[in-house]
């Protein structure tokens, strides 16, 4: 680390749990962020500010006026710009040392498997179950930890699915594909603006903990937030031995 980095990240370095060694791990890490909207905005901003050395943003949408109520990575002047390009500009303003890869595409399962293989941690900031399940399958196959978040109306949820742990469930263990869950869109249901910031900030915190190797991750736990009462509920999430995705997961060191 050079003198500028020592100064930029000094508040991390002062933490005994992180220090110089932990910050070096962050600088060497690669975070894959799927979705550059409400959740992806705080996730990417905090990862970049914290010094995660490489961030890949994946989203096929463009900035719209209706996004600006909550998607804090974007600005009025960038309406019509692909969200990943707008995001890259925002992240470069915060930390020009971070390498940002902006992929304006809707990644299918094969593409997700390709992208996940090079990541240290994956953050699911998508808005539909098809992408979430495809991303989960890719993370199970590659043994890369997945930090998943969701937010709609006043309700948020978070968990970590770390396939490096034999006892940890995958996303499909908790939300099976045949369970009948339906996608709900912010455009029809609405979303409380700060909610995505709260959920996204916790996602970023979990990703940083995983990279550095500190604290207790949310693996095996599902956090639910009712922002109307500002109440958190924790549910233990067990691995399903009959899960169609991870029952015969490959061994990962």
C-alpha atoms as a PDB file:
ATOM      1  CA  UNK A   1       0.000   0.000   0.000  1.00  0.00           C
ATOM      2  CA  UNK A   2       1.208   3.490  -0.831  1.00  0.00           C
ATOM      3  CA  UNK A   3       0.925   6.605   1.346  1.00  0.00           C
ATOM      4  CA  UNK A   4      -2.295   7.769  -0.339  1.00  0.00           C
ATOM      5  CA  UNK A   5      -3.931   4.396   0.299  1.00  0.00           C
ATOM      6  CA  UNK A   6      -2.787   4.380   3.908  1.00  0.00           C
ATOM      7  CA  UNK A   7      -4.475   7.749   4.330  1.00  0.00           C
ATOM      8  CA  UNK A   8      -7.627   6.939   2.334  1.00  0.00           C
ATOM      9  CA  UNK A   9      -8.285   3.719   4.239  1.00  0.00           C
ATOM     10  CA  UNK A  10      -6.922   4.851   7.598  1.00  0.00           C
ATOM     11  CA  UNK A  11     -10.265   4.440   9.398  1.00  0.00           C
ATOM     12  CA  UNK A  12     -10.378   0.803   8.327  1.00  0.00           C
ATOM     13  CA  UNK A  13      -6.744   0.268   9.219  1.00  0.00           C
ATOM     14  CA  UNK A  14      -7.410   1.604  12.724  1.00  0.00           C
ATOM     15  CA  UNK A  15      -9.815  -1.276  13.302  1.00  0.00           C
ATOM     16  CA  UNK A  16      -7.972  -4.202  14.864  1.00  0.00           C
ATOM     17  CA  UNK A  17     -10.201  -6.646  12.983  1.00  0.00           C
ATOM     18  CA  UNK A  18      -9.171  -5.164   9.610  1.00  0.00           C
ATOM     19  CA  UNK A  19      -5.808  -3.411   9.873  1.00  0.00           C
ATOM     20  CA  UNK A  20      -3.401  -3.246   6.957  1.00  0.00           C
ATOM     21  CA  UNK A  21      -3.677  -6.967   6.222  1.00  0.00           C
ATOM     22  CA  UNK A  22      -7.456  -6.818   5.907  1.00  0.00           C
ATOM     23  CA  UNK A  23      -7.332  -3.717   3.743  1.00  0.00           C
ATOM     24  CA  UNK A  24      -4.863  -5.436   1.440  1.00  0.00           C
ATOM     25  CA  UNK A  25      -7.373  -8.281   1.084  1.00  0.00           C
ATOM     26  CA  UNK A  26     -10.039  -5.786   0.091  1.00  0.00           C
ATOM     27  CA  UNK A  27      -7.741  -4.187  -2.483  1.00  0.00           C
ATOM     28  CA  UNK A  28      -7.094  -7.618  -4.013  1.00  0.00           C
ATOM     29  CA  UNK A  29     -10.760  -8.686  -4.050  1.00  0.00           C
ATOM     30  CA  UNK A  30     -13.276  -8.821  -6.899  1.00  0.00           C
ATOM     31  CA  UNK A  31     -16.957  -8.196  -6.137  1.00  0.00           C
ATOM     32  CA  UNK A  32     -19.599  -9.129  -8.709  1.00  0.00           C
ATOM     33  CA  UNK A  33     -22.753  -6.995  -8.299  1.00  0.00           C
ATOM     34  CA  UNK A  34     -25.834  -8.161 -10.181  1.00  0.00           C
ATOM     35  CA  UNK A  35     -28.181  -5.196 -10.473  1.00  0.00           C
ATOM     36  CA  UNK A  36     -27.307  -1.499 -10.432  1.00  0.00           C
ATOM     37  CA  UNK A  37     -30.575  -0.149  -9.067  1.00  0.00           C
ATOM     38  CA  UNK A  38     -31.956   0.406  -5.586  1.00  0.00           C
ATOM     39  CA  UNK A  39     -29.881  -2.244  -3.824  1.00  0.00           C
ATOM     40  CA  UNK A  40     -26.933  -2.174  -6.206  1.00  0.00           C
ATOM     41  CA  UNK A  41     -26.437   1.550  -5.614  1.00  0.00           C
ATOM     42  CA  UNK A  42     -25.510   1.475  -1.893  1.00  0.00           C
ATOM     43  CA  UNK A  43     -23.769  -1.873  -2.343  1.00  0.00           C
ATOM     44  CA  UNK A  44     -21.453  -0.608  -5.069  1.00  0.00           C
ATOM     45  CA  UNK A  45     -20.870   2.788  -3.447  1.00  0.00           C
ATOM     46  CA  UNK A  46     -19.754   1.247  -0.143  1.00  0.00           C
ATOM     47  CA  UNK A  47     -17.633  -1.425  -1.810  1.00  0.00           C
ATOM     48  CA  UNK A  48     -15.828   1.198  -3.883  1.00  0.00           C
ATOM     49  CA  UNK A  49     -15.373   3.561  -0.941  1.00  0.00           C
ATOM     50  CA  UNK A  50     -14.009   0.664   1.123  1.00  0.00           C
ATOM     51  CA  UNK A  51     -11.372  -0.127  -1.482  1.00  0.00           C
ATOM     52  CA  UNK A  52     -12.563  -3.373  -3.042  1.00  0.00           C
ATOM     53  CA  UNK A  53     -10.084  -3.482  -5.881  1.00  0.00           C
ATOM     54  CA  UNK A  54     -12.324  -4.742  -8.675  1.00  0.00           C
ATOM     55  CA  UNK A  55     -16.083  -4.341  -9.007  1.00  0.00           C
ATOM     56  CA  UNK A  56     -18.146  -5.728 -11.867  1.00  0.00           C
ATOM     57  CA  UNK A  57     -21.599  -4.181 -12.352  1.00  0.00           C
ATOM     58  CA  UNK A  58     -24.154  -6.105 -14.414  1.00  0.00           C
ATOM     59  CA  UNK A  59     -27.485  -4.542 -15.447  1.00  0.00           C
ATOM     60  CA  UNK A  60     -29.278  -4.082 -18.768  1.00  0.00           C
ATOM     61  CA  UNK A  61     -31.458  -1.115 -17.764  1.00  0.00           C
ATOM     62  CA  UNK A  62     -31.082   2.641 -18.278  1.00  0.00           C
ATOM     63  CA  UNK A  63     -31.537   5.397 -15.711  1.00  0.00           C
ATOM     64  CA  UNK A  64     -35.130   6.624 -15.549  1.00  0.00           C
ATOM     65  CA  UNK A  65     -36.628   9.573 -13.680  1.00  0.00           C
ATOM     66  CA  UNK A  66     -38.608   7.186 -11.457  1.00  0.00           C
ATOM     67  CA  UNK A  67     -35.353   5.550 -10.298  1.00  0.00           C
ATOM     68  CA  UNK A  68     -33.975   8.694  -8.689  1.00  0.00           C
ATOM     69  CA  UNK A  69     -36.222   8.502  -5.602  1.00  0.00           C
ATOM     70  CA  UNK A  70     -34.043   5.662  -4.240  1.00  0.00           C
ATOM     71  CA  UNK A  71     -31.222   4.663  -6.633  1.00  0.00           C
ATOM     72  CA  UNK A  72     -28.605   6.983  -5.169  1.00  0.00           C
ATOM     73  CA  UNK A  73     -25.806   5.980  -7.547  1.00  0.00           C
ATOM     74  CA  UNK A  74     -27.573   7.813 -10.383  1.00  0.00           C
ATOM     75  CA  UNK A  75     -28.284  11.481 -11.079  1.00  0.00           C
ATOM     76  CA  UNK A  76     -30.773  13.596 -12.999  1.00  0.00           C
ATOM     77  CA  UNK A  77     -28.099  14.449 -15.547  1.00  0.00           C
ATOM     78  CA  UNK A  78     -27.583  10.768 -16.356  1.00  0.00           C
ATOM     79  CA  UNK A  79     -31.215   9.945 -17.169  1.00  0.00           C
ATOM     80  CA  UNK A  80     -31.208   7.732 -20.261  1.00  0.00           C
ATOM     81  CA  UNK A  81     -27.671   6.486 -19.595  1.00  0.00           C
ATOM     82  CA  UNK A  82     -27.162   2.757 -19.017  1.00  0.00           C
ATOM     83  CA  UNK A  83     -27.195   2.189 -15.277  1.00  0.00           C
ATOM     84  CA  UNK A  84     -23.834   0.434 -15.310  1.00  0.00           C
ATOM     85  CA  UNK A  85     -22.225   3.410 -17.077  1.00  0.00           C
ATOM     86  CA  UNK A  86     -23.844   5.832 -14.652  1.00  0.00           C
ATOM     87  CA  UNK A  87     -22.674   3.612 -11.823  1.00  0.00           C
ATOM     88  CA  UNK A  88     -19.136   3.477 -13.121  1.00  0.00           C
ATOM     89  CA  UNK A  89     -19.029   7.295 -13.221  1.00  0.00           C
ATOM     90  CA  UNK A  90     -20.289   7.509  -9.636  1.00  0.00           C
ATOM     91  CA  UNK A  91     -17.819   4.938  -8.347  1.00  0.00           C
ATOM     92  CA  UNK A  92     -14.892   6.591 -10.121  1.00  0.00           C
ATOM     93  CA  UNK A  93     -15.811   9.878  -8.472  1.00  0.00           C
ATOM     94  CA  UNK A  94     -15.669   8.187  -5.074  1.00  0.00           C
ATOM     95  CA  UNK A  95     -12.546   6.109  -5.631  1.00  0.00           C
ATOM     96  CA  UNK A  96     -10.646   6.372  -8.928  1.00  0.00           C
ATOM     97  CA  UNK A  97      -8.282   3.557  -7.870  1.00  0.00           C
ATOM     98  CA  UNK A  98     -10.985   0.891  -8.082  1.00  0.00           C
ATOM     99  CA  UNK A  99     -11.256  -0.981 -11.389  1.00  0.00           C
ATOM    100  CA  UNK A 100     -14.884  -0.938 -12.543  1.00  0.00           C
ATOM    101  CA  UNK A 101     -16.201  -3.277 -15.227  1.00  0.00           C
ATOM    102  CA  UNK A 102     -19.604  -2.155 -16.525  1.00  0.00           C
ATOM    103  CA  UNK A 103     -21.600  -4.850 -18.338  1.00  0.00           C
ATOM    104  CA  UNK A 104     -24.833  -3.572 -19.874  1.00  0.00           C
ATOM    105  CA  UNK A 105     -26.502  -6.932 -20.369  1.00  0.00           C
ATOM    106  CA  UNK A 106     -29.058  -9.317 -18.918  1.00  0.00           C
ATOM    107  CA  UNK A 107     -26.794 -12.205 -18.054  1.00  0.00           C
ATOM    108  CA  UNK A 108     -28.228 -15.668 -18.652  1.00  0.00           C
ATOM    109  CA  UNK A 109     -27.201 -18.676 -16.578  1.00  0.00           C
ATOM    110  CA  UNK A 110     -24.208 -19.575 -18.728  1.00  0.00           C
ATOM    111  CA  UNK A 111     -22.945 -15.999 -18.573  1.00  0.00           C
ATOM    112  CA  UNK A 112     -23.460 -15.870 -14.809  1.00  0.00           C
ATOM    113  CA  UNK A 113     -21.403 -19.042 -14.382  1.00  0.00           C
ATOM    114  CA  UNK A 114     -18.617 -17.395 -16.363  1.00  0.00           C
ATOM    115  CA  UNK A 115     -18.728 -14.190 -14.323  1.00  0.00           C
ATOM    116  CA  UNK A 116     -18.986 -15.875 -10.925  1.00  0.00           C
ATOM    117  CA  UNK A 117     -15.845 -17.959 -11.444  1.00  0.00           C
ATOM    118  CA  UNK A 118     -13.589 -14.888 -11.191  1.00  0.00           C
ATOM    119  CA  UNK A 119     -15.328 -13.273  -8.203  1.00  0.00           C
ATOM    120  CA  UNK A 120     -14.328 -13.248  -4.540  1.00  0.00           C
ATOM    121  CA  UNK A 121     -17.924 -12.545  -3.512  1.00  0.00           C
ATOM    122  CA  UNK A 122     -21.215 -12.116  -5.376  1.00  0.00           C
ATOM    123  CA  UNK A 123     -23.957  -9.677  -4.399  1.00  0.00           C
ATOM    124  CA  UNK A 124     -27.477 -10.354  -5.634  1.00  0.00           C
ATOM    125  CA  UNK A 125     -29.172  -6.994  -6.097  1.00  0.00           C
ATOM    126  CA  UNK A 126     -31.537  -8.241  -8.789  1.00  0.00           C
ATOM    127  CA  UNK A 127     -35.314  -7.942  -8.791  1.00  0.00           C
ATOM    128  CA  UNK A 128     -36.600 -11.295 -10.059  1.00  0.00           C
ATOM    129  CA  UNK A 129     -36.556 -14.916  -8.940  1.00  0.00           C
ATOM    130  CA  UNK A 130     -35.284 -16.291 -12.250  1.00  0.00           C
ATOM    131  CA  UNK A 131     -32.053 -14.311 -11.957  1.00  0.00           C
ATOM    132  CA  UNK A 132     -31.720 -15.093  -8.256  1.00  0.00           C
ATOM    133  CA  UNK A 133     -32.002 -18.828  -8.827  1.00  0.00           C
ATOM    134  CA  UNK A 134     -29.656 -18.786 -11.824  1.00  0.00           C
ATOM    135  CA  UNK A 135     -27.118 -16.805  -9.807  1.00  0.00           C
ATOM    136  CA  UNK A 136     -27.471 -19.195  -6.883  1.00  0.00           C
ATOM    137  CA  UNK A 137     -26.763 -22.175  -9.127  1.00  0.00           C
ATOM    138  CA  UNK A 138     -23.664 -20.444 -10.474  1.00  0.00           C
ATOM    139  CA  UNK A 139     -22.404 -19.676  -6.952  1.00  0.00           C
ATOM    140  CA  UNK A 140     -23.046 -23.239  -5.764  1.00  0.00           C
ATOM    141  CA  UNK A 141     -21.121 -24.610  -8.730  1.00  0.00           C
ATOM    142  CA  UNK A 142     -18.166 -22.274  -8.212  1.00  0.00           C
ATOM    143  CA  UNK A 143     -18.136 -22.296  -4.413  1.00  0.00           C
ATOM    144  CA  UNK A 144     -18.316 -18.486  -4.252  1.00  0.00           C
ATOM    145  CA  UNK A 145     -20.237 -16.863  -1.374  1.00  0.00           C
ATOM    146  CA  UNK A 146     -23.488 -15.118  -2.314  1.00  0.00           C
ATOM    147  CA  UNK A 147     -24.893 -12.130  -0.418  1.00  0.00           C
ATOM    148  CA  UNK A 148     -28.579 -11.793  -1.280  1.00  0.00           C
ATOM    149  CA  UNK A 149     -30.933  -8.926  -0.550  1.00  0.00           C
ATOM    150  CA  UNK A 150     -34.460  -7.924  -1.498  1.00  0.00           C
ATOM    151  CA  UNK A 151     -36.698  -4.952  -0.776  1.00  0.00           C
ATOM    152  CA  UNK A 152     -40.289  -4.052  -1.644  1.00  0.00           C
ATOM    153  CA  UNK A 153     -42.753  -1.616  -0.078  1.00  0.00           C
ATOM    154  CA  UNK A 154     -41.506  -1.401   3.558  1.00  0.00           C
ATOM    155  CA  UNK A 155     -40.144  -4.954   3.766  1.00  0.00           C
ATOM    156  CA  UNK A 156     -36.545  -6.097   3.354  1.00  0.00           C
ATOM    157  CA  UNK A 157     -34.726  -9.399   3.637  1.00  0.00           C
ATOM    158  CA  UNK A 158     -31.084 -10.475   3.675  1.00  0.00           C
ATOM    159  CA  UNK A 159     -28.974 -13.577   3.937  1.00  0.00           C
ATOM    160  CA  UNK A 160     -25.579 -15.019   3.049  1.00  0.00           C
ATOM    161  CA  UNK A 161     -25.264 -18.310   1.195  1.00  0.00           C
ATOM    162  CA  UNK A 162     -21.689 -19.497   1.569  1.00  0.00           C
ATOM    163  CA  UNK A 163     -21.062 -22.750  -0.267  1.00  0.00           C
ATOM    164  CA  UNK A 164     -17.623 -23.056   1.301  1.00  0.00           C
ATOM    165  CA  UNK A 165     -19.446 -24.157   4.457  1.00  0.00           C
ATOM    166  CA  UNK A 166     -20.879 -27.672   4.393  1.00  0.00           C
ATOM    167  CA  UNK A 167     -23.716 -26.758   6.766  1.00  0.00           C
ATOM    168  CA  UNK A 168     -24.838 -23.616   4.926  1.00  0.00           C
ATOM    169  CA  UNK A 169     -28.036 -23.648   2.864  1.00  0.00           C
ATOM    170  CA  UNK A 170     -28.137 -22.250  -0.639  1.00  0.00           C
ATOM    171  CA  UNK A 171     -30.774 -19.807  -1.856  1.00  0.00           C
ATOM    172  CA  UNK A 172     -32.894 -22.658  -3.260  1.00  0.00           C
ATOM    173  CA  UNK A 173     -32.927 -24.398   0.138  1.00  0.00           C
ATOM    174  CA  UNK A 174     -34.721 -21.365   1.581  1.00  0.00           C
ATOM    175  CA  UNK A 175     -36.708 -20.320  -1.497  1.00  0.00           C
ATOM    176  CA  UNK A 176     -37.307 -23.428  -3.646  1.00  0.00           C
ATOM    177  CA  UNK A 177     -38.009 -22.730  -7.294  1.00  0.00           C
ATOM    178  CA  UNK A 178     -41.298 -24.666  -7.128  1.00  0.00           C
ATOM    179  CA  UNK A 179     -42.554 -22.842  -4.038  1.00  0.00           C
ATOM    180  CA  UNK A 180     -44.842 -20.517  -5.984  1.00  0.00           C
ATOM    181  CA  UNK A 181     -43.188 -17.218  -5.009  1.00  0.00           C
ATOM    182  CA  UNK A 182     -44.175 -14.461  -7.429  1.00  0.00           C
ATOM    183  CA  UNK A 183     -42.104 -11.503  -8.548  1.00  0.00           C
ATOM    184  CA  UNK A 184     -43.405  -8.122  -7.431  1.00  0.00           C
ATOM    185  CA  UNK A 185     -42.178  -4.909  -9.009  1.00  0.00           C
ATOM    186  CA  UNK A 186     -41.486  -1.537  -7.431  1.00  0.00           C
ATOM    187  CA  UNK A 187     -43.350   0.016 -10.350  1.00  0.00           C
ATOM    188  CA  UNK A 188     -46.614  -1.550  -9.159  1.00  0.00           C
ATOM    189  CA  UNK A 189     -46.066  -2.049  -5.409  1.00  0.00           C
ATOM    190  CA  UNK A 190     -43.824   0.894  -4.511  1.00  0.00           C
ATOM    191  CA  UNK A 191     -40.769   0.948  -2.256  1.00  0.00           C
ATOM    192  CA  UNK A 192     -39.763   3.131   0.689  1.00  0.00           C
ATOM    193  CA  UNK A 193     -36.667   5.018  -0.457  1.00  0.00           C
ATOM    194  CA  UNK A 194     -34.368   4.472   2.571  1.00  0.00           C
ATOM    195  CA  UNK A 195     -35.252   0.768   2.717  1.00  0.00           C
ATOM    196  CA  UNK A 196     -32.991  -0.127  -0.198  1.00  0.00           C
ATOM    197  CA  UNK A 197     -30.209   1.889   1.420  1.00  0.00           C
ATOM    198  CA  UNK A 198     -30.535  -0.036   4.686  1.00  0.00           C
ATOM    199  CA  UNK A 199     -30.626  -3.441   2.995  1.00  0.00           C
ATOM    200  CA  UNK A 200     -27.869  -2.571   0.512  1.00  0.00           C
ATOM    201  CA  UNK A 201     -25.598  -1.232   3.258  1.00  0.00           C
ATOM    202  CA  UNK A 202     -25.964  -4.490   5.195  1.00  0.00           C
ATOM    203  CA  UNK A 203     -25.216  -6.461   2.022  1.00  0.00           C
ATOM    204  CA  UNK A 204     -22.033  -4.449   1.552  1.00  0.00           C
ATOM    205  CA  UNK A 205     -21.070  -5.016   5.194  1.00  0.00           C
ATOM    206  CA  UNK A 206     -21.526  -8.780   4.847  1.00  0.00           C
ATOM    207  CA  UNK A 207     -19.445  -8.824   1.661  1.00  0.00           C
ATOM    208  CA  UNK A 208     -16.610  -6.899   3.305  1.00  0.00           C
ATOM    209  CA  UNK A 209     -16.685  -9.267   6.313  1.00  0.00           C
ATOM    210  CA  UNK A 210     -16.474 -12.275   4.001  1.00  0.00           C
ATOM    211  CA  UNK A 211     -13.541 -10.823   2.081  1.00  0.00           C
ATOM    212  CA  UNK A 212     -11.564  -9.879   5.180  1.00  0.00           C
ATOM    213  CA  UNK A 213     -12.642 -12.932   7.167  1.00  0.00           C
ATOM    214  CA  UNK A 214     -14.012 -11.171  10.236  1.00  0.00           C
ATOM    215  CA  UNK A 215     -17.096 -11.402  12.390  1.00  0.00           C
ATOM    216  CA  UNK A 216     -20.006 -13.788  12.048  1.00  0.00           C
ATOM    217  CA  UNK A 217     -21.630 -13.807   8.623  1.00  0.00           C
ATOM    218  CA  UNK A 218     -25.366 -14.142   8.022  1.00  0.00           C
ATOM    219  CA  UNK A 219     -24.860 -17.664   6.686  1.00  0.00           C
ATOM    220  CA  UNK A 220     -27.688 -19.892   7.860  1.00  0.00           C
ATOM    221  CA  UNK A 221     -29.763 -16.909   8.970  1.00  0.00           C
ATOM    222  CA  UNK A 222     -32.450 -14.919   7.171  1.00  0.00           C
ATOM    223  CA  UNK A 223     -32.930 -11.334   8.358  1.00  0.00           C
ATOM    224  CA  UNK A 224     -36.328  -9.737   7.793  1.00  0.00           C
ATOM    225  CA  UNK A 225     -36.891  -6.002   8.223  1.00  0.00           C
ATOM    226  CA  UNK A 226     -40.216  -4.265   8.751  1.00  0.00           C
ATOM    227  CA  UNK A 227     -39.245  -0.649   8.171  1.00  0.00           C
ATOM    228  CA  UNK A 228     -42.631   0.653   9.325  1.00  0.00           C
ATOM    229  CA  UNK A 229     -41.834  -0.462  12.861  1.00  0.00           C
ATOM    230  CA  UNK A 230     -38.063  -0.629  12.228  1.00  0.00           C
ATOM    231  CA  UNK A 231     -38.070  -4.164  13.587  1.00  0.00           C
ATOM    232  CA  UNK A 232     -35.654  -6.907  12.587  1.00  0.00           C
ATOM    233  CA  UNK A 233     -36.629 -10.568  12.746  1.00  0.00           C
ATOM    234  CA  UNK A 234     -34.086 -13.371  12.412  1.00  0.00           C
ATOM    235  CA  UNK A 235     -35.036 -16.807  11.123  1.00  0.00           C
ATOM    236  CA  UNK A 236     -32.650 -19.740  11.183  1.00  0.00           C
ATOM    237  CA  UNK A 237     -32.280 -21.242   7.719  1.00  0.00           C
ATOM    238  CA  UNK A 238     -31.239 -24.884   7.526  1.00  0.00           C
ATOM    239  CA  UNK A 239     -29.701 -26.692   4.605  1.00  0.00           C
ATOM    240  CA  UNK A 240     -32.158 -28.929   2.741  1.00  0.00           C
ATOM    241  CA  UNK A 241     -30.484 -32.329   2.230  1.00  0.00           C
ATOM    242  CA  UNK A 242     -32.836 -32.939  -0.692  1.00  0.00           C
ATOM    243  CA  UNK A 243     -32.211 -29.596  -2.392  1.00  0.00           C
ATOM    244  CA  UNK A 244     -32.085 -29.991  -6.169  1.00  0.00           C
ATOM    245  CA  UNK A 245     -29.302 -27.401  -6.413  1.00  0.00           C
ATOM    246  CA  UNK A 246     -26.858 -28.064  -3.569  1.00  0.00           C
ATOM    247  CA  UNK A 247     -27.582 -31.575  -2.282  1.00  0.00           C
ATOM    248  CA  UNK A 248     -24.579 -32.925  -4.145  1.00  0.00           C
ATOM    249  CA  UNK A 249     -22.512 -29.758  -4.139  1.00  0.00           C
ATOM    250  CA  UNK A 250     -18.883 -30.098  -5.216  1.00  0.00           C
ATOM    251  CA  UNK A 251     -16.195 -29.851  -2.578  1.00  0.00           C
ATOM    252  CA  UNK A 252     -14.555 -26.416  -2.319  1.00  0.00           C
ATOM    253  CA  UNK A 253     -11.512 -25.623  -0.262  1.00  0.00           C
END
